[in-house]
Amino acid sequence: MLKNPHPGIFVAIEGLDGSGKSTQVAAASRYLGQTGRETFITFEPSGSAIGNMIRSRLLGEWQSSPQALQLLFAADRAEHLEKEIIPRLLKGICVITDRYAFSSFAYGAIENDLDWLVALNSRFLAPDLVVYLESTPEACLERIRMKRDSIELFEKSNILKEVTQNYKVLFKRDDFKNVPVAYIDMEKSVDAAAQEISVLINKIITKKAVQAADK
């Protein structure tokens, strides 16, 4: 993946379905806003026509091959970067996304070759920081059941256990050795986790500012 050359900071929040990603994205943005940092919250699949098509596929409203689904994810990501993420990064805004390419790798590798998935996304922008929310499949599924009635394609205990292992494998790959990954224990409170994440993001922002000043 390509290093972010833009003045803004790009952060991806990753984890299992039900791990608390959406909550942490919003909370981290709120904490950063209190320190005067301008942030933009987004998510994948995006709100584009392709993203909506993916969501309907995950709900089982139509069928496709695993490869076709991953190609849709890549197409959505390309548009997401072009239309939403990069324009904000060019303005120096901190962009925080609820899921990014690492979700495609961890979930997609259940039915696809991981090397193919990594190659498919290799020309996309790498985050300045990946935050992985650590939570057990059992805890995640319980949160999902409490919030909604429907279960999506990948929201099953055996699948989430495999996804957890896939995340562990992919973060150790040489392809991502230059992408900082922070692990957040989701047994702690929402506020404690959000404060920890905002501190991590602020450190990345400060580091990038120093590097820019030295050039």
N, C-alpha and C. Protein backbone atom coordinates (compact mmCIF):
# COMPACT_ATOMS: atom_id res chain seq x y z
N MET A 1 0.84 -1.19 0.00
CA MET A 1 0.00 0.00 0.00
C MET A 1 0.88 1.25 0.00
N LEU A 2 0.32 2.37 -0.42
CA LEU A 2 1.09 3.58 -0.61
C LEU A 2 1.08 4.46 0.64
N LYS A 3 2.22 5.03 0.97
CA LYS A 3 2.34 5.93 2.12
C LYS A 3 1.52 7.19 1.88
N ASN A 4 0.85 7.66 2.90
CA ASN A 4 0.04 8.88 2.80
C ASN A 4 0.96 10.10 2.65
N PRO A 5 0.93 10.79 1.48
CA PRO A 5 1.80 11.94 1.27
C PRO A 5 1.12 13.27 1.63
N HIS A 6 -0.12 13.20 2.08
CA HIS A 6 -0.93 14.40 2.30
C HIS A 6 -0.78 14.92 3.73
N PRO A 7 -1.09 16.19 3.95
CA PRO A 7 -0.89 16.77 5.30
C PRO A 7 -1.84 16.21 6.36
N GLY A 8 -3.01 15.72 5.98
CA GLY A 8 -3.94 15.16 6.94
C GLY A 8 -3.55 13.77 7.40
N ILE A 9 -4.09 13.36 8.55
CA ILE A 9 -3.81 12.04 9.12
C ILE A 9 -4.95 11.10 8.79
N PHE A 10 -4.59 9.89 8.37
CA PHE A 10 -5.57 8.88 7.97
C PHE A 10 -5.54 7.73 8.99
N VAL A 11 -6.66 7.52 9.68
CA VAL A 11 -6.74 6.49 10.72
C VAL A 11 -7.85 5.50 10.39
N ALA A 12 -7.56 4.21 10.50
CA ALA A 12 -8.55 3.16 10.28
C ALA A 12 -8.81 2.43 11.58
N ILE A 13 -10.08 2.34 11.97
CA ILE A 13 -10.48 1.58 13.14
C ILE A 13 -10.96 0.21 12.67
N GLU A 14 -10.31 -0.85 13.14
CA GLU A 14 -10.62 -2.21 12.69
C GLU A 14 -11.04 -3.09 13.86
N GLY A 15 -11.67 -4.20 13.54
CA GLY A 15 -12.08 -5.15 14.56
C GLY A 15 -13.25 -5.98 14.08
N LEU A 16 -13.67 -6.91 14.91
CA LEU A 16 -14.80 -7.76 14.57
C LEU A 16 -16.10 -6.96 14.54
N ASP A 17 -17.11 -7.49 13.83
CA ASP A 17 -18.44 -6.91 13.93
C ASP A 17 -18.87 -6.97 15.39
N GLY A 18 -19.37 -5.86 15.90
CA GLY A 18 -19.80 -5.83 17.29
C GLY A 18 -18.71 -5.48 18.29
N SER A 19 -17.51 -5.15 17.82
CA SER A 19 -16.41 -4.83 18.73
C SER A 19 -16.49 -3.40 19.26
N GLY A 20 -17.36 -2.58 18.68
CA GLY A 20 -17.51 -1.20 19.15
C GLY A 20 -16.85 -0.17 18.26
N LYS A 21 -16.61 -0.51 16.99
CA LYS A 21 -15.90 0.39 16.09
C LYS A 21 -16.61 1.73 15.90
N SER A 22 -17.90 1.69 15.58
CA SER A 22 -18.64 2.93 15.32
C SER A 22 -18.64 3.84 16.55
N THR A 23 -18.80 3.24 17.71
CA THR A 23 -18.79 4.00 18.96
C THR A 23 -17.44 4.66 19.18
N GLN A 24 -16.37 3.92 18.93
CA GLN A 24 -15.02 4.45 19.15
C GLN A 24 -14.63 5.50 18.12
N VAL A 25 -15.08 5.34 16.89
CA VAL A 25 -14.82 6.35 15.86
C VAL A 25 -15.44 7.68 16.28
N ALA A 26 -16.70 7.64 16.71
CA ALA A 26 -17.38 8.86 17.13
C ALA A 26 -16.75 9.46 18.39
N ALA A 27 -16.42 8.61 19.34
CA ALA A 27 -15.84 9.09 20.59
C ALA A 27 -14.45 9.69 20.38
N ALA A 28 -13.63 9.04 19.57
CA ALA A 28 -12.28 9.55 19.30
C ALA A 28 -12.36 10.90 18.59
N SER A 29 -13.30 11.01 17.65
CA SER A 29 -13.49 12.28 16.93
C SER A 29 -13.90 13.38 17.91
N ARG A 30 -14.75 13.03 18.86
CA ARG A 30 -15.21 14.01 19.85
C ARG A 30 -14.05 14.49 20.72
N TYR A 31 -13.23 13.55 21.18
CA TYR A 31 -12.08 13.91 22.01
C TYR A 31 -11.08 14.76 21.23
N LEU A 32 -10.84 14.42 19.99
CA LEU A 32 -9.91 15.19 19.16
C LEU A 32 -10.45 16.59 18.90
N GLY A 33 -11.77 16.68 18.72
CA GLY A 33 -12.40 17.98 18.51
C GLY A 33 -12.21 18.90 19.70
N GLN A 34 -12.19 18.32 20.90
CA GLN A 34 -12.00 19.11 22.12
C GLN A 34 -10.60 19.70 22.20
N THR A 35 -9.65 19.10 21.47
CA THR A 35 -8.28 19.62 21.44
C THR A 35 -8.04 20.51 20.22
N GLY A 36 -9.12 20.77 19.48
CA GLY A 36 -9.01 21.66 18.33
C GLY A 36 -8.65 20.98 17.03
N ARG A 37 -8.63 19.64 17.03
CA ARG A 37 -8.33 18.91 15.80
C ARG A 37 -9.59 18.77 14.95
N GLU A 38 -9.49 19.12 13.68
CA GLU A 38 -10.62 18.93 12.77
C GLU A 38 -10.61 17.49 12.27
N THR A 39 -11.75 16.81 12.40
CA THR A 39 -11.83 15.41 11.99
C THR A 39 -12.99 15.19 11.03
N PHE A 40 -12.88 14.13 10.28
CA PHE A 40 -13.95 13.70 9.38
C PHE A 40 -14.16 12.21 9.60
N ILE A 41 -15.40 11.83 9.91
CA ILE A 41 -15.74 10.43 10.16
C ILE A 41 -16.34 9.81 8.90
N THR A 42 -15.90 8.61 8.58
CA THR A 42 -16.45 7.90 7.44
C THR A 42 -16.45 6.40 7.73
N PHE A 43 -16.82 5.59 6.75
CA PHE A 43 -16.97 4.15 6.99
C PHE A 43 -16.92 3.38 5.68
N GLU A 44 -16.66 2.08 5.80
CA GLU A 44 -16.72 1.16 4.65
C GLU A 44 -17.56 -0.06 5.03
N PRO A 45 -18.39 -0.56 4.08
CA PRO A 45 -18.65 0.00 2.77
C PRO A 45 -19.14 1.45 2.89
N SER A 46 -18.82 2.25 1.88
CA SER A 46 -19.17 3.66 1.91
C SER A 46 -20.66 3.84 1.62
N GLY A 47 -21.08 5.09 1.57
CA GLY A 47 -22.48 5.38 1.27
C GLY A 47 -22.77 5.51 -0.20
N SER A 48 -21.82 5.10 -1.04
CA SER A 48 -22.00 5.19 -2.49
C SER A 48 -22.93 4.10 -2.99
N ALA A 49 -23.26 4.16 -4.29
CA ALA A 49 -24.11 3.13 -4.90
C ALA A 49 -23.45 1.75 -4.79
N ILE A 50 -22.12 1.71 -4.95
CA ILE A 50 -21.41 0.44 -4.83
C ILE A 50 -21.47 -0.06 -3.38
N GLY A 51 -21.29 0.87 -2.43
CA GLY A 51 -21.37 0.49 -1.02
C GLY A 51 -22.73 -0.06 -0.64
N ASN A 52 -23.78 0.55 -1.17
CA ASN A 52 -25.14 0.06 -0.90
C ASN A 52 -25.35 -1.32 -1.51
N MET A 53 -24.75 -1.55 -2.67
CA MET A 53 -24.84 -2.86 -3.31
C MET A 53 -24.18 -3.92 -2.43
N ILE A 54 -23.02 -3.57 -1.87
CA ILE A 54 -22.31 -4.50 -0.98
C ILE A 54 -23.16 -4.82 0.25
N ARG A 55 -23.77 -3.79 0.85
CA ARG A 55 -24.59 -4.03 2.04
C ARG A 55 -25.76 -4.97 1.75
N SER A 56 -26.39 -4.80 0.60
CA SER A 56 -27.50 -5.68 0.25
C SER A 56 -27.01 -7.11 0.02
N ARG A 57 -25.79 -7.25 -0.48
CA ARG A 57 -25.20 -8.59 -0.66
C ARG A 57 -24.93 -9.23 0.71
N LEU A 58 -24.41 -8.46 1.65
CA LEU A 58 -24.12 -8.99 2.98
C LEU A 58 -25.39 -9.40 3.72
N LEU A 59 -26.50 -8.75 3.39
CA LEU A 59 -27.78 -9.10 4.00
C LEU A 59 -28.46 -10.27 3.29
N GLY A 60 -27.81 -10.78 2.23
CA GLY A 60 -28.35 -11.93 1.51
C GLY A 60 -29.45 -11.60 0.53
N GLU A 61 -29.55 -10.32 0.13
CA GLU A 61 -30.61 -9.92 -0.79
C GLU A 61 -30.30 -10.31 -2.23
N TRP A 62 -29.06 -10.59 -2.51
CA TRP A 62 -28.67 -11.13 -3.82
C TRP A 62 -27.38 -11.91 -3.63
N GLN A 63 -27.00 -12.70 -4.62
CA GLN A 63 -25.85 -13.60 -4.50
C GLN A 63 -24.75 -13.24 -5.49
N SER A 64 -23.53 -13.58 -5.14
CA SER A 64 -22.38 -13.40 -6.04
C SER A 64 -21.29 -14.36 -5.59
N SER A 65 -20.25 -14.49 -6.40
CA SER A 65 -19.10 -15.28 -5.99
C SER A 65 -18.30 -14.49 -4.97
N PRO A 66 -17.49 -15.15 -4.13
CA PRO A 66 -16.63 -14.44 -3.17
C PRO A 66 -15.70 -13.45 -3.86
N GLN A 67 -15.21 -13.83 -5.05
CA GLN A 67 -14.30 -12.95 -5.78
C GLN A 67 -15.01 -11.68 -6.24
N ALA A 68 -16.24 -11.83 -6.73
CA ALA A 68 -17.00 -10.67 -7.19
C ALA A 68 -17.26 -9.71 -6.03
N LEU A 69 -17.57 -10.27 -4.86
CA LEU A 69 -17.81 -9.42 -3.69
C LEU A 69 -16.58 -8.61 -3.33
N GLN A 70 -15.41 -9.24 -3.36
CA GLN A 70 -14.18 -8.53 -3.02
C GLN A 70 -13.81 -7.48 -4.07
N LEU A 71 -14.14 -7.74 -5.31
CA LEU A 71 -13.92 -6.73 -6.35
C LEU A 71 -14.81 -5.51 -6.13
N LEU A 72 -16.02 -5.76 -5.64
CA LEU A 72 -16.92 -4.64 -5.30
C LEU A 72 -16.34 -3.84 -4.14
N PHE A 73 -15.81 -4.52 -3.13
CA PHE A 73 -15.19 -3.82 -2.01
C PHE A 73 -14.04 -2.93 -2.51
N ALA A 74 -13.23 -3.46 -3.42
CA ALA A 74 -12.09 -2.70 -3.93
C ALA A 74 -12.57 -1.49 -4.74
N ALA A 75 -13.61 -1.69 -5.54
CA ALA A 75 -14.16 -0.58 -6.34
C ALA A 75 -14.73 0.50 -5.42
N ASP A 76 -15.43 0.08 -4.39
CA ASP A 76 -15.98 1.03 -3.43
C ASP A 76 -14.86 1.79 -2.73
N ARG A 77 -13.78 1.09 -2.40
CA ARG A 77 -12.65 1.72 -1.70
C ARG A 77 -11.97 2.76 -2.60
N ALA A 78 -11.84 2.44 -3.87
CA ALA A 78 -11.23 3.38 -4.81
C ALA A 78 -12.04 4.67 -4.89
N GLU A 79 -13.36 4.53 -4.95
CA GLU A 79 -14.23 5.72 -5.01
C GLU A 79 -14.24 6.45 -3.67
N HIS A 80 -14.22 5.69 -2.60
CA HIS A 80 -14.20 6.27 -1.26
C HIS A 80 -12.96 7.15 -1.08
N LEU A 81 -11.81 6.66 -1.49
CA LEU A 81 -10.58 7.43 -1.40
C LEU A 81 -10.65 8.69 -2.26
N GLU A 82 -11.12 8.52 -3.48
CA GLU A 82 -11.15 9.64 -4.43
C GLU A 82 -12.13 10.74 -4.01
N LYS A 83 -13.30 10.34 -3.57
CA LYS A 83 -14.38 11.31 -3.33
C LYS A 83 -14.42 11.85 -1.90
N GLU A 84 -14.01 11.05 -0.92
CA GLU A 84 -14.19 11.47 0.47
C GLU A 84 -12.89 11.62 1.26
N ILE A 85 -12.02 10.61 1.16
CA ILE A 85 -10.85 10.59 2.04
C ILE A 85 -9.74 11.54 1.60
N ILE A 86 -9.25 11.37 0.39
CA ILE A 86 -8.11 12.17 -0.07
C ILE A 86 -8.41 13.67 -0.10
N PRO A 87 -9.60 14.11 -0.56
CA PRO A 87 -9.87 15.56 -0.52
C PRO A 87 -9.74 16.16 0.88
N ARG A 88 -10.13 15.40 1.92
CA ARG A 88 -9.99 15.90 3.29
C ARG A 88 -8.53 15.88 3.74
N LEU A 89 -7.80 14.82 3.39
CA LEU A 89 -6.39 14.75 3.76
C LEU A 89 -5.60 15.89 3.14
N LEU A 90 -5.97 16.28 1.93
CA LEU A 90 -5.30 17.40 1.26
C LEU A 90 -5.49 18.71 2.03
N LYS A 91 -6.60 18.80 2.76
CA LYS A 91 -6.90 20.00 3.55
C LYS A 91 -6.32 19.92 4.96
N GLY A 92 -5.62 18.83 5.27
CA GLY A 92 -5.02 18.69 6.59
C GLY A 92 -5.96 18.17 7.65
N ILE A 93 -7.09 17.62 7.24
CA ILE A 93 -8.08 17.10 8.17
C ILE A 93 -7.71 15.68 8.59
N CYS A 94 -8.02 15.33 9.84
CA CYS A 94 -7.81 13.96 10.32
C CYS A 94 -9.02 13.12 9.92
N VAL A 95 -8.82 12.12 9.08
CA VAL A 95 -9.89 11.25 8.61
C VAL A 95 -9.86 9.95 9.41
N ILE A 96 -11.00 9.61 10.02
CA ILE A 96 -11.12 8.37 10.78
C ILE A 96 -12.18 7.51 10.12
N THR A 97 -11.79 6.32 9.66
CA THR A 97 -12.75 5.45 8.99
C THR A 97 -13.06 4.21 9.82
N ASP A 98 -14.32 3.89 9.86
CA ASP A 98 -14.82 2.66 10.48
C ASP A 98 -14.68 1.56 9.43
N ARG A 99 -13.61 0.82 9.49
CA ARG A 99 -13.18 -0.23 8.55
C ARG A 99 -12.46 0.36 7.34
N TYR A 100 -11.51 -0.45 6.85
CA TYR A 100 -10.76 -0.11 5.63
C TYR A 100 -10.31 -1.42 5.00
N ALA A 101 -9.22 -1.39 4.28
CA ALA A 101 -8.78 -2.57 3.52
C ALA A 101 -8.51 -3.78 4.40
N PHE A 102 -8.11 -3.56 5.65
CA PHE A 102 -7.77 -4.68 6.53
C PHE A 102 -8.99 -5.55 6.83
N SER A 103 -10.16 -4.94 6.78
CA SER A 103 -11.39 -5.74 6.91
C SER A 103 -11.56 -6.66 5.71
N SER A 104 -11.25 -6.15 4.52
CA SER A 104 -11.33 -6.98 3.32
C SER A 104 -10.37 -8.16 3.42
N PHE A 105 -9.19 -7.91 3.96
CA PHE A 105 -8.20 -8.99 4.10
C PHE A 105 -8.68 -10.03 5.12
N ALA A 106 -9.09 -9.56 6.30
CA ALA A 106 -9.43 -10.48 7.39
C ALA A 106 -10.70 -11.27 7.10
N TYR A 107 -11.71 -10.61 6.58
CA TYR A 107 -12.97 -11.29 6.28
C TYR A 107 -12.91 -11.98 4.92
N GLY A 108 -12.32 -11.31 3.95
CA GLY A 108 -12.26 -11.86 2.60
C GLY A 108 -11.43 -13.12 2.48
N ALA A 109 -10.42 -13.26 3.36
CA ALA A 109 -9.52 -14.43 3.30
C ALA A 109 -10.23 -15.72 3.71
N ILE A 110 -11.44 -15.62 4.24
CA ILE A 110 -12.20 -16.82 4.57
C ILE A 110 -12.51 -17.61 3.31
N GLU A 111 -12.78 -16.89 2.21
CA GLU A 111 -13.17 -17.55 0.96
C GLU A 111 -12.26 -17.20 -0.22
N ASN A 112 -11.23 -16.39 0.04
CA ASN A 112 -10.34 -15.96 -1.04
C ASN A 112 -8.88 -16.09 -0.60
N ASP A 113 -8.00 -16.06 -1.58
CA ASP A 113 -6.57 -16.11 -1.30
C ASP A 113 -6.10 -14.76 -0.75
N LEU A 114 -5.44 -14.76 0.39
CA LEU A 114 -5.02 -13.52 1.03
C LEU A 114 -4.03 -12.75 0.16
N ASP A 115 -3.12 -13.44 -0.50
CA ASP A 115 -2.16 -12.75 -1.37
C ASP A 115 -2.87 -11.99 -2.48
N TRP A 116 -3.93 -12.60 -3.04
CA TRP A 116 -4.70 -11.93 -4.10
C TRP A 116 -5.39 -10.69 -3.55
N LEU A 117 -5.94 -10.78 -2.36
CA LEU A 117 -6.62 -9.64 -1.75
C LEU A 117 -5.64 -8.49 -1.48
N VAL A 118 -4.46 -8.83 -0.97
CA VAL A 118 -3.45 -7.80 -0.70
C VAL A 118 -3.01 -7.13 -2.00
N ALA A 119 -2.80 -7.93 -3.03
CA ALA A 119 -2.39 -7.38 -4.34
C ALA A 119 -3.48 -6.48 -4.91
N LEU A 120 -4.73 -6.88 -4.74
CA LEU A 120 -5.87 -6.11 -5.26
C LEU A 120 -5.93 -4.72 -4.64
N ASN A 121 -5.47 -4.60 -3.40
CA ASN A 121 -5.52 -3.32 -2.68
C ASN A 121 -4.17 -2.63 -2.56
N SER A 122 -3.17 -3.13 -3.27
CA SER A 122 -1.80 -2.67 -3.06
C SER A 122 -1.54 -1.22 -3.47
N ARG A 123 -2.36 -0.68 -4.37
CA ARG A 123 -2.14 0.69 -4.85
C ARG A 123 -2.98 1.71 -4.10
N PHE A 124 -3.68 1.26 -3.07
CA PHE A 124 -4.48 2.17 -2.26
C PHE A 124 -3.63 2.79 -1.16
N LEU A 125 -4.13 3.88 -0.60
CA LEU A 125 -3.43 4.61 0.46
C LEU A 125 -3.39 3.78 1.75
N ALA A 126 -2.23 3.73 2.37
CA ALA A 126 -2.10 3.06 3.66
C ALA A 126 -2.46 4.05 4.77
N PRO A 127 -3.13 3.61 5.82
CA PRO A 127 -3.42 4.50 6.95
C PRO A 127 -2.13 4.89 7.67
N ASP A 128 -2.16 6.05 8.30
CA ASP A 128 -1.04 6.45 9.17
C ASP A 128 -1.09 5.68 10.47
N LEU A 129 -2.27 5.17 10.81
CA LEU A 129 -2.44 4.38 12.03
C LEU A 129 -3.64 3.45 11.85
N VAL A 130 -3.45 2.19 12.23
CA VAL A 130 -4.56 1.24 12.31
C VAL A 130 -4.81 0.94 13.78
N VAL A 131 -6.03 1.13 14.22
CA VAL A 131 -6.42 0.82 15.60
C VAL A 131 -7.27 -0.45 15.56
N TYR A 132 -6.78 -1.51 16.20
CA TYR A 132 -7.51 -2.77 16.23
C TYR A 132 -8.17 -2.96 17.59
N LEU A 133 -9.49 -3.08 17.60
CA LEU A 133 -10.24 -3.25 18.84
C LEU A 133 -10.31 -4.73 19.17
N GLU A 134 -9.67 -5.11 20.26
CA GLU A 134 -9.61 -6.52 20.66
C GLU A 134 -10.85 -6.89 21.49
N SER A 135 -11.63 -7.83 20.97
CA SER A 135 -12.82 -8.31 21.68
C SER A 135 -13.10 -9.74 21.22
N THR A 136 -13.66 -10.55 22.10
CA THR A 136 -13.91 -11.95 21.75
C THR A 136 -15.11 -12.06 20.82
N PRO A 137 -15.16 -13.09 19.97
CA PRO A 137 -16.33 -13.30 19.12
C PRO A 137 -17.63 -13.40 19.92
N GLU A 138 -17.56 -14.03 21.08
CA GLU A 138 -18.76 -14.20 21.90
C GLU A 138 -19.30 -12.85 22.38
N ALA A 139 -18.40 -11.98 22.84
CA ALA A 139 -18.82 -10.66 23.31
C ALA A 139 -19.37 -9.83 22.16
N CYS A 140 -18.76 -9.94 20.98
CA CYS A 140 -19.21 -9.19 19.81
C CYS A 140 -20.61 -9.63 19.38
N LEU A 141 -20.84 -10.93 19.33
CA LEU A 141 -22.15 -11.44 18.92
C LEU A 141 -23.23 -11.03 19.91
N GLU A 142 -22.89 -10.99 21.19
CA GLU A 142 -23.86 -10.56 22.19
C GLU A 142 -24.25 -9.11 21.97
N ARG A 143 -23.26 -8.26 21.66
CA ARG A 143 -23.56 -6.85 21.39
C ARG A 143 -24.44 -6.71 20.15
N ILE A 144 -24.17 -7.52 19.12
CA ILE A 144 -24.96 -7.47 17.90
C ILE A 144 -26.41 -7.85 18.18
N ARG A 145 -26.61 -8.91 18.93
CA ARG A 145 -27.98 -9.38 19.24
C ARG A 145 -28.75 -8.36 20.07
N MET A 146 -28.06 -7.62 20.91
CA MET A 146 -28.72 -6.61 21.74
C MET A 146 -29.14 -5.40 20.92
N LYS A 147 -28.44 -5.12 19.82
CA LYS A 147 -28.70 -3.91 19.05
C LYS A 147 -29.67 -4.11 17.89
N ARG A 148 -29.67 -5.29 17.27
CA ARG A 148 -30.54 -5.47 16.10
C ARG A 148 -30.97 -6.92 15.94
N ASP A 149 -31.99 -7.10 15.08
CA ASP A 149 -32.59 -8.42 14.89
C ASP A 149 -31.90 -9.25 13.81
N SER A 150 -31.39 -8.58 12.77
CA SER A 150 -30.82 -9.31 11.63
C SER A 150 -29.33 -9.60 11.83
N ILE A 151 -28.88 -10.70 11.24
CA ILE A 151 -27.47 -11.09 11.27
C ILE A 151 -26.95 -11.09 9.84
N GLU A 152 -25.78 -10.45 9.63
CA GLU A 152 -25.22 -10.37 8.28
C GLU A 152 -24.37 -11.59 7.97
N LEU A 153 -23.88 -11.63 6.75
CA LEU A 153 -23.18 -12.78 6.19
C LEU A 153 -22.08 -13.33 7.10
N PHE A 154 -21.23 -12.47 7.65
CA PHE A 154 -20.05 -12.92 8.39
C PHE A 154 -20.25 -12.95 9.90
N GLU A 155 -21.48 -12.70 10.38
CA GLU A 155 -21.71 -12.56 11.81
C GLU A 155 -22.11 -13.90 12.46
N LYS A 156 -21.17 -14.82 12.46
CA LYS A 156 -21.36 -16.12 13.09
C LYS A 156 -20.10 -16.44 13.89
N SER A 157 -20.26 -17.16 15.01
CA SER A 157 -19.15 -17.39 15.93
C SER A 157 -17.94 -18.03 15.26
N ASN A 158 -18.16 -19.09 14.48
CA ASN A 158 -17.02 -19.77 13.85
C ASN A 158 -16.32 -18.88 12.85
N ILE A 159 -17.09 -18.05 12.16
CA ILE A 159 -16.49 -17.13 11.19
C ILE A 159 -15.69 -16.05 11.89
N LEU A 160 -16.24 -15.47 12.96
CA LEU A 160 -15.53 -14.41 13.67
C LEU A 160 -14.25 -14.92 14.33
N LYS A 161 -14.24 -16.18 14.74
CA LYS A 161 -13.01 -16.77 15.29
C LYS A 161 -11.94 -16.84 14.20
N GLU A 162 -12.34 -17.22 12.99
CA GLU A 162 -11.39 -17.28 11.87
C GLU A 162 -10.91 -15.89 11.49
N VAL A 163 -11.82 -14.93 11.51
CA VAL A 163 -11.46 -13.55 11.20
C VAL A 163 -10.43 -13.03 12.20
N THR A 164 -10.62 -13.35 13.48
CA THR A 164 -9.67 -12.94 14.51
C THR A 164 -8.26 -13.45 14.19
N GLN A 165 -8.17 -14.71 13.80
CA GLN A 165 -6.87 -15.29 13.44
C GLN A 165 -6.29 -14.62 12.19
N ASN A 166 -7.17 -14.29 11.23
CA ASN A 166 -6.72 -13.63 10.01
C ASN A 166 -6.13 -12.26 10.30
N TYR A 167 -6.75 -11.52 11.21
CA TYR A 167 -6.21 -10.21 11.60
C TYR A 167 -4.80 -10.38 12.18
N LYS A 168 -4.62 -11.37 13.05
CA LYS A 168 -3.32 -11.59 13.67
C LYS A 168 -2.25 -11.90 12.62
N VAL A 169 -2.63 -12.68 11.62
CA VAL A 169 -1.68 -13.06 10.56
C VAL A 169 -1.32 -11.85 9.70
N LEU A 170 -2.33 -11.11 9.28
CA LEU A 170 -2.05 -10.06 8.30
C LEU A 170 -1.27 -8.90 8.90
N PHE A 171 -1.47 -8.59 10.18
CA PHE A 171 -0.71 -7.49 10.79
C PHE A 171 0.78 -7.81 10.90
N LYS A 172 1.14 -9.09 10.78
CA LYS A 172 2.54 -9.50 10.85
C LYS A 172 3.20 -9.61 9.48
N ARG A 173 2.40 -9.43 8.42
CA ARG A 173 2.95 -9.56 7.07
C ARG A 173 3.93 -8.43 6.77
N ASP A 174 4.93 -8.74 5.96
CA ASP A 174 5.91 -7.73 5.55
C ASP A 174 5.27 -6.59 4.78
N ASP A 175 4.14 -6.88 4.09
CA ASP A 175 3.45 -5.85 3.31
C ASP A 175 3.06 -4.65 4.18
N PHE A 176 2.84 -4.89 5.49
CA PHE A 176 2.32 -3.84 6.35
C PHE A 176 3.27 -3.49 7.50
N LYS A 177 4.55 -3.83 7.34
CA LYS A 177 5.51 -3.59 8.42
C LYS A 177 5.70 -2.10 8.71
N ASN A 178 5.36 -1.23 7.73
CA ASN A 178 5.50 0.20 7.94
C ASN A 178 4.19 0.88 8.35
N VAL A 179 3.16 0.08 8.59
CA VAL A 179 1.87 0.62 9.02
C VAL A 179 1.73 0.41 10.53
N PRO A 180 1.73 1.48 11.33
CA PRO A 180 1.59 1.32 12.78
C PRO A 180 0.23 0.71 13.15
N VAL A 181 0.26 -0.29 14.01
CA VAL A 181 -0.97 -0.93 14.49
C VAL A 181 -1.02 -0.84 16.00
N ALA A 182 -2.12 -0.32 16.54
CA ALA A 182 -2.32 -0.22 17.99
C ALA A 182 -3.46 -1.15 18.39
N TYR A 183 -3.25 -1.91 19.43
CA TYR A 183 -4.25 -2.85 19.93
C TYR A 183 -4.93 -2.27 21.16
N ILE A 184 -6.26 -2.19 21.12
CA ILE A 184 -7.03 -1.61 22.23
C ILE A 184 -7.90 -2.70 22.85
N ASP A 185 -7.71 -2.93 24.13
CA ASP A 185 -8.49 -3.93 24.86
C ASP A 185 -9.89 -3.37 25.12
N MET A 186 -10.92 -4.01 24.53
CA MET A 186 -12.27 -3.49 24.65
C MET A 186 -12.99 -3.95 25.91
N GLU A 187 -12.24 -4.55 26.85
CA GLU A 187 -12.81 -4.84 28.16
C GLU A 187 -12.90 -3.56 28.99
N LYS A 188 -12.13 -2.54 28.61
CA LYS A 188 -12.17 -1.27 29.34
C LYS A 188 -13.40 -0.47 28.92
N SER A 189 -13.65 0.65 29.61
CA SER A 189 -14.82 1.46 29.31
C SER A 189 -14.69 2.15 27.95
N VAL A 190 -15.83 2.56 27.42
CA VAL A 190 -15.85 3.26 26.13
C VAL A 190 -15.00 4.51 26.20
N ASP A 191 -15.16 5.29 27.27
CA ASP A 191 -14.41 6.54 27.40
C ASP A 191 -12.90 6.29 27.54
N ALA A 192 -12.53 5.28 28.30
CA ALA A 192 -11.11 4.98 28.48
C ALA A 192 -10.47 4.57 27.16
N ALA A 193 -11.17 3.75 26.39
CA ALA A 193 -10.66 3.32 25.09
C ALA A 193 -10.56 4.51 24.14
N ALA A 194 -11.57 5.37 24.13
CA ALA A 194 -11.57 6.53 23.24
C ALA A 194 -10.45 7.49 23.58
N GLN A 195 -10.20 7.71 24.87
CA GLN A 195 -9.10 8.58 25.28
C GLN A 195 -7.76 8.01 24.83
N GLU A 196 -7.61 6.70 24.97
CA GLU A 196 -6.37 6.05 24.55
C GLU A 196 -6.16 6.20 23.04
N ILE A 197 -7.24 6.02 22.29
CA ILE A 197 -7.15 6.15 20.83
C ILE A 197 -6.83 7.58 20.43
N SER A 198 -7.48 8.56 21.07
CA SER A 198 -7.23 9.97 20.72
C SER A 198 -5.79 10.37 21.03
N VAL A 199 -5.23 9.84 22.12
CA VAL A 199 -3.83 10.11 22.46
C VAL A 199 -2.90 9.55 21.37
N LEU A 200 -3.19 8.33 20.92
CA LEU A 200 -2.40 7.71 19.86
C LEU A 200 -2.45 8.54 18.58
N ILE A 201 -3.65 9.00 18.22
CA ILE A 201 -3.81 9.80 17.00
C ILE A 201 -3.06 11.12 17.13
N ASN A 202 -3.15 11.75 18.30
CA ASN A 202 -2.44 13.02 18.50
C ASN A 202 -0.93 12.83 18.36
N LYS A 203 -0.41 11.69 18.82
CA LYS A 203 1.02 11.41 18.67
C LYS A 203 1.41 11.30 17.20
N ILE A 204 0.55 10.66 16.40
CA ILE A 204 0.82 10.54 14.96
C ILE A 204 0.77 11.92 14.30
N ILE A 205 -0.19 12.75 14.71
CA ILE A 205 -0.31 14.10 14.16
C ILE A 205 0.95 14.91 14.48
N THR A 206 1.40 14.84 15.73
CA THR A 206 2.59 15.58 16.14
C THR A 206 3.83 15.09 15.39
N LYS A 207 3.95 13.78 15.28
CA LYS A 207 5.10 13.21 14.57
C LYS A 207 5.14 13.65 13.12
N LYS A 208 3.97 13.67 12.47
CA LYS A 208 3.92 14.06 11.06
C LYS A 208 4.25 15.54 10.91
N ALA A 209 3.79 16.37 11.86
CA ALA A 209 4.09 17.80 11.81
C ALA A 209 5.57 18.07 11.95
N VAL A 210 6.22 17.33 12.84
CA VAL A 210 7.67 17.46 13.04
C VAL A 210 8.43 17.05 11.78
N GLN A 211 8.00 15.94 11.17
CA GLN A 211 8.65 15.47 9.94
C GLN A 211 8.50 16.49 8.82
N ALA A 212 7.31 17.10 8.73
CA ALA A 212 7.08 18.10 7.68
C ALA A 212 7.94 19.34 7.91
N ALA A 213 8.12 19.72 9.17
CA ALA A 213 8.92 20.90 9.50
C ALA A 213 10.39 20.68 9.20
N ASP A 214 10.84 19.43 9.30
CA ASP A 214 12.25 19.11 9.07
C ASP A 214 12.62 19.06 7.59
N LYS A 215 11.61 19.00 6.72
CA LYS A 215 11.89 18.89 5.28
C LYS A 215 12.30 20.23 4.71
